[in-house]
Amino acid sequence: MELLAILLQVATDLTPLAKMAAGLGASISVIGASMGISQIGRAALESIARQPEATSDIRSSMIVSAALIEGVAFFAIVVCLLIVFI
């Protein structure tokens, strides 16, 4: 029981730091997602330049990959915002 009381005290003392860390985590997730999507776009453009006949396949794969990355980034931002406001 004493251990739980100590952990509760530590958690309440570190609340401002947790909120700052959540904001930092949200910004890092956005930066990481933007870098990933830009690399997907760069690779898709290079692939289209090499094989113009495969444009539709490459474009659809690029859009699906970018959507999945955006989904993960939005999930990370929501988690960080929940930490801030709850």
N, C-alpha and C. Protein backbone atom coordinates (compact mmCIF):
# COMPACT_ATOMS: atom_id res chain seq x y z
N MET A 1 0.81 -1.19 0.00
CA MET A 1 0.00 0.00 0.00
C MET A 1 0.86 1.26 0.00
N GLU A 2 1.97 1.20 0.68
CA GLU A 2 2.83 2.38 0.73
C GLU A 2 3.41 2.68 -0.65
N LEU A 3 3.71 1.63 -1.39
CA LEU A 3 4.25 1.83 -2.73
C LEU A 3 3.24 2.56 -3.63
N LEU A 4 1.97 2.18 -3.53
CA LEU A 4 0.94 2.86 -4.33
C LEU A 4 0.80 4.32 -3.92
N ALA A 5 0.90 4.60 -2.65
CA ALA A 5 0.81 5.98 -2.19
C ALA A 5 1.99 6.80 -2.69
N ILE A 6 3.16 6.21 -2.71
CA ILE A 6 4.35 6.90 -3.23
C ILE A 6 4.21 7.16 -4.72
N LEU A 7 3.74 6.15 -5.46
CA LEU A 7 3.56 6.32 -6.90
C LEU A 7 2.50 7.38 -7.21
N LEU A 8 1.43 7.44 -6.42
CA LEU A 8 0.41 8.46 -6.62
C LEU A 8 0.97 9.85 -6.35
N GLN A 9 1.79 9.98 -5.31
CA GLN A 9 2.39 11.27 -5.01
C GLN A 9 3.33 11.71 -6.13
N VAL A 10 4.11 10.79 -6.64
CA VAL A 10 5.03 11.11 -7.74
C VAL A 10 4.24 11.51 -8.99
N ALA A 11 3.13 10.81 -9.26
CA ALA A 11 2.33 11.11 -10.45
C ALA A 11 1.71 12.50 -10.35
N THR A 12 1.26 12.90 -9.18
CA THR A 12 0.66 14.22 -9.05
C THR A 12 1.73 15.32 -9.09
N ASP A 13 2.92 15.02 -8.65
CA ASP A 13 3.99 16.01 -8.70
C ASP A 13 4.50 16.24 -10.12
N LEU A 14 4.40 15.23 -10.96
CA LEU A 14 4.95 15.32 -12.31
C LEU A 14 3.90 15.68 -13.36
N THR A 15 2.72 16.11 -12.95
CA THR A 15 1.66 16.43 -13.91
C THR A 15 2.07 17.53 -14.89
N PRO A 16 2.68 18.63 -14.46
CA PRO A 16 3.09 19.64 -15.46
C PRO A 16 4.13 19.12 -16.44
N LEU A 17 5.04 18.29 -15.96
CA LEU A 17 6.04 17.72 -16.87
C LEU A 17 5.40 16.76 -17.87
N ALA A 18 4.38 16.03 -17.42
CA ALA A 18 3.69 15.10 -18.32
C ALA A 18 2.97 15.87 -19.42
N LYS A 19 2.41 17.03 -19.07
CA LYS A 19 1.72 17.82 -20.09
C LYS A 19 2.71 18.41 -21.09
N MET A 20 3.86 18.82 -20.62
CA MET A 20 4.88 19.31 -21.55
C MET A 20 5.38 18.18 -22.45
N ALA A 21 5.55 17.00 -21.87
CA ALA A 21 6.01 15.86 -22.66
C ALA A 21 4.96 15.45 -23.69
N ALA A 22 3.69 15.58 -23.35
CA ALA A 22 2.63 15.26 -24.31
C ALA A 22 2.66 16.23 -25.48
N GLY A 23 2.87 17.50 -25.20
CA GLY A 23 2.99 18.47 -26.29
C GLY A 23 4.19 18.19 -27.17
N LEU A 24 5.29 17.83 -26.56
CA LEU A 24 6.49 17.48 -27.32
C LEU A 24 6.25 16.22 -28.15
N GLY A 25 5.55 15.25 -27.58
CA GLY A 25 5.24 14.03 -28.32
C GLY A 25 4.35 14.29 -29.52
N ALA A 26 3.38 15.19 -29.36
CA ALA A 26 2.50 15.52 -30.48
C ALA A 26 3.29 16.19 -31.60
N SER A 27 4.20 17.10 -31.24
CA SER A 27 4.98 17.78 -32.27
C SER A 27 5.94 16.82 -32.97
N ILE A 28 6.53 15.91 -32.22
CA ILE A 28 7.43 14.93 -32.83
C ILE A 28 6.67 14.00 -33.77
N SER A 29 5.45 13.60 -33.40
CA SER A 29 4.68 12.71 -34.27
C SER A 29 4.29 13.42 -35.57
N VAL A 30 3.98 14.70 -35.49
CA VAL A 30 3.64 15.45 -36.71
C VAL A 30 4.86 15.59 -37.61
N ILE A 31 6.00 15.90 -37.02
CA ILE A 31 7.23 16.04 -37.81
C ILE A 31 7.60 14.71 -38.46
N GLY A 32 7.49 13.63 -37.71
CA GLY A 32 7.82 12.31 -38.27
C GLY A 32 6.88 11.92 -39.40
N ALA A 33 5.59 12.21 -39.23
CA ALA A 33 4.64 11.89 -40.29
C ALA A 33 4.90 12.71 -41.54
N SER A 34 5.21 13.98 -41.37
CA SER A 34 5.47 14.81 -42.55
C SER A 34 6.74 14.36 -43.27
N MET A 35 7.74 13.95 -42.53
CA MET A 35 8.95 13.44 -43.18
C MET A 35 8.68 12.14 -43.92
N GLY A 36 7.88 11.27 -43.32
CA GLY A 36 7.56 10.00 -43.97
C GLY A 36 6.76 10.19 -45.24
N ILE A 37 5.76 11.08 -45.19
CA ILE A 37 4.95 11.32 -46.38
C ILE A 37 5.77 11.98 -47.48
N SER A 38 6.68 12.87 -47.10
CA SER A 38 7.53 13.50 -48.13
C SER A 38 8.46 12.49 -48.78
N GLN A 39 8.96 11.54 -48.03
CA GLN A 39 9.81 10.50 -48.61
C GLN A 39 9.02 9.58 -49.54
N ILE A 40 7.76 9.32 -49.17
CA ILE A 40 6.91 8.51 -50.05
C ILE A 40 6.68 9.25 -51.36
N GLY A 41 6.38 10.54 -51.27
CA GLY A 41 6.17 11.33 -52.49
C GLY A 41 7.41 11.39 -53.36
N ARG A 42 8.56 11.57 -52.72
CA ARG A 42 9.81 11.62 -53.49
C ARG A 42 10.07 10.29 -54.21
N ALA A 43 9.88 9.19 -53.49
CA ALA A 43 10.11 7.89 -54.10
C ALA A 43 9.11 7.60 -55.21
N ALA A 44 7.86 8.05 -55.03
CA ALA A 44 6.86 7.83 -56.06
C ALA A 44 7.20 8.63 -57.32
N LEU A 45 7.63 9.87 -57.15
CA LEU A 45 8.00 10.67 -58.32
C LEU A 45 9.19 10.07 -59.06
N GLU A 46 10.16 9.57 -58.32
CA GLU A 46 11.31 8.93 -58.97
C GLU A 46 10.87 7.66 -59.71
N SER A 47 9.96 6.92 -59.11
CA SER A 47 9.50 5.69 -59.76
C SER A 47 8.69 5.99 -61.02
N ILE A 48 7.87 7.03 -60.95
CA ILE A 48 7.09 7.41 -62.13
C ILE A 48 8.02 7.91 -63.23
N ALA A 49 9.08 8.62 -62.87
CA ALA A 49 10.03 9.09 -63.87
C ALA A 49 10.75 7.93 -64.56
N ARG A 50 10.98 6.86 -63.83
CA ARG A 50 11.67 5.71 -64.41
C ARG A 50 10.73 4.84 -65.24
N GLN A 51 9.47 4.69 -64.75
CA GLN A 51 8.50 3.85 -65.44
C GLN A 51 7.18 4.60 -65.59
N PRO A 52 7.04 5.40 -66.60
CA PRO A 52 5.81 6.19 -66.76
C PRO A 52 4.56 5.33 -66.98
N GLU A 53 4.73 4.12 -67.49
CA GLU A 53 3.56 3.27 -67.75
C GLU A 53 2.95 2.71 -66.46
N ALA A 54 3.66 2.77 -65.33
CA ALA A 54 3.15 2.25 -64.06
C ALA A 54 2.64 3.37 -63.15
N THR A 55 2.25 4.49 -63.75
CA THR A 55 1.87 5.66 -62.97
C THR A 55 0.68 5.40 -62.07
N SER A 56 -0.36 4.76 -62.58
CA SER A 56 -1.57 4.56 -61.77
C SER A 56 -1.32 3.63 -60.59
N ASP A 57 -0.53 2.58 -60.79
CA ASP A 57 -0.22 1.66 -59.70
C ASP A 57 0.62 2.35 -58.62
N ILE A 58 1.61 3.10 -59.06
CA ILE A 58 2.49 3.79 -58.11
C ILE A 58 1.70 4.85 -57.33
N ARG A 59 0.85 5.59 -58.04
CA ARG A 59 0.07 6.65 -57.39
C ARG A 59 -0.88 6.07 -56.35
N SER A 60 -1.55 4.97 -56.67
CA SER A 60 -2.48 4.38 -55.71
C SER A 60 -1.74 3.82 -54.49
N SER A 61 -0.58 3.23 -54.72
CA SER A 61 0.21 2.74 -53.58
C SER A 61 0.70 3.90 -52.71
N MET A 62 1.05 5.01 -53.35
CA MET A 62 1.51 6.18 -52.61
C MET A 62 0.38 6.75 -51.75
N ILE A 63 -0.81 6.83 -52.29
CA ILE A 63 -1.93 7.40 -51.55
C ILE A 63 -2.30 6.52 -50.37
N VAL A 64 -2.30 5.22 -50.56
CA VAL A 64 -2.61 4.30 -49.45
C VAL A 64 -1.56 4.41 -48.35
N SER A 65 -0.30 4.45 -48.72
CA SER A 65 0.77 4.56 -47.73
C SER A 65 0.70 5.88 -46.97
N ALA A 66 0.44 6.97 -47.67
CA ALA A 66 0.33 8.27 -47.02
C ALA A 66 -0.87 8.31 -46.08
N ALA A 67 -1.97 7.69 -46.47
CA ALA A 67 -3.15 7.66 -45.60
C ALA A 67 -2.88 6.87 -44.33
N LEU A 68 -2.15 5.76 -44.45
CA LEU A 68 -1.83 4.99 -43.25
C LEU A 68 -0.91 5.76 -42.31
N ILE A 69 0.05 6.48 -42.87
CA ILE A 69 0.94 7.28 -42.03
C ILE A 69 0.16 8.40 -41.35
N GLU A 70 -0.75 9.05 -42.08
CA GLU A 70 -1.55 10.10 -41.47
C GLU A 70 -2.43 9.56 -40.37
N GLY A 71 -2.96 8.37 -40.55
CA GLY A 71 -3.79 7.75 -39.51
C GLY A 71 -3.01 7.51 -38.23
N VAL A 72 -1.80 7.02 -38.36
CA VAL A 72 -0.96 6.80 -37.19
C VAL A 72 -0.60 8.13 -36.52
N ALA A 73 -0.32 9.14 -37.32
CA ALA A 73 0.01 10.46 -36.76
C ALA A 73 -1.18 11.05 -36.02
N PHE A 74 -2.38 10.95 -36.60
CA PHE A 74 -3.57 11.47 -35.92
C PHE A 74 -3.82 10.73 -34.62
N PHE A 75 -3.61 9.41 -34.62
CA PHE A 75 -3.78 8.64 -33.40
C PHE A 75 -2.80 9.10 -32.33
N ALA A 76 -1.56 9.35 -32.70
CA ALA A 76 -0.56 9.82 -31.74
C ALA A 76 -0.92 11.19 -31.20
N ILE A 77 -1.43 12.07 -32.05
CA ILE A 77 -1.83 13.40 -31.60
C ILE A 77 -3.00 13.31 -30.64
N VAL A 78 -3.97 12.45 -30.93
CA VAL A 78 -5.13 12.29 -30.04
C VAL A 78 -4.69 11.77 -28.68
N VAL A 79 -3.80 10.80 -28.67
CA VAL A 79 -3.30 10.29 -27.40
C VAL A 79 -2.59 11.38 -26.60
N CYS A 80 -1.77 12.17 -27.27
CA CYS A 80 -1.08 13.26 -26.57
C CYS A 80 -2.04 14.30 -26.06
N LEU A 81 -3.08 14.63 -26.83
CA LEU A 81 -4.08 15.58 -26.37
C LEU A 81 -4.89 15.04 -25.21
N LEU A 82 -5.16 13.75 -25.21
CA LEU A 82 -5.85 13.16 -24.07
C LEU A 82 -5.00 13.24 -22.81
N ILE A 83 -3.70 13.08 -22.96
CA ILE A 83 -2.82 13.20 -21.80
C ILE A 83 -2.84 14.64 -21.27
N VAL A 84 -2.88 15.60 -22.18
CA VAL A 84 -2.87 17.00 -21.77
C VAL A 84 -4.15 17.37 -21.04
N PHE A 85 -5.30 16.97 -21.58
CA PHE A 85 -6.57 17.46 -21.04
C PHE A 85 -7.22 16.54 -20.02
N ILE A 86 -6.71 15.36 -19.84
CA ILE A 86 -7.32 14.44 -18.84
C ILE A 86 -6.34 14.16 -17.73
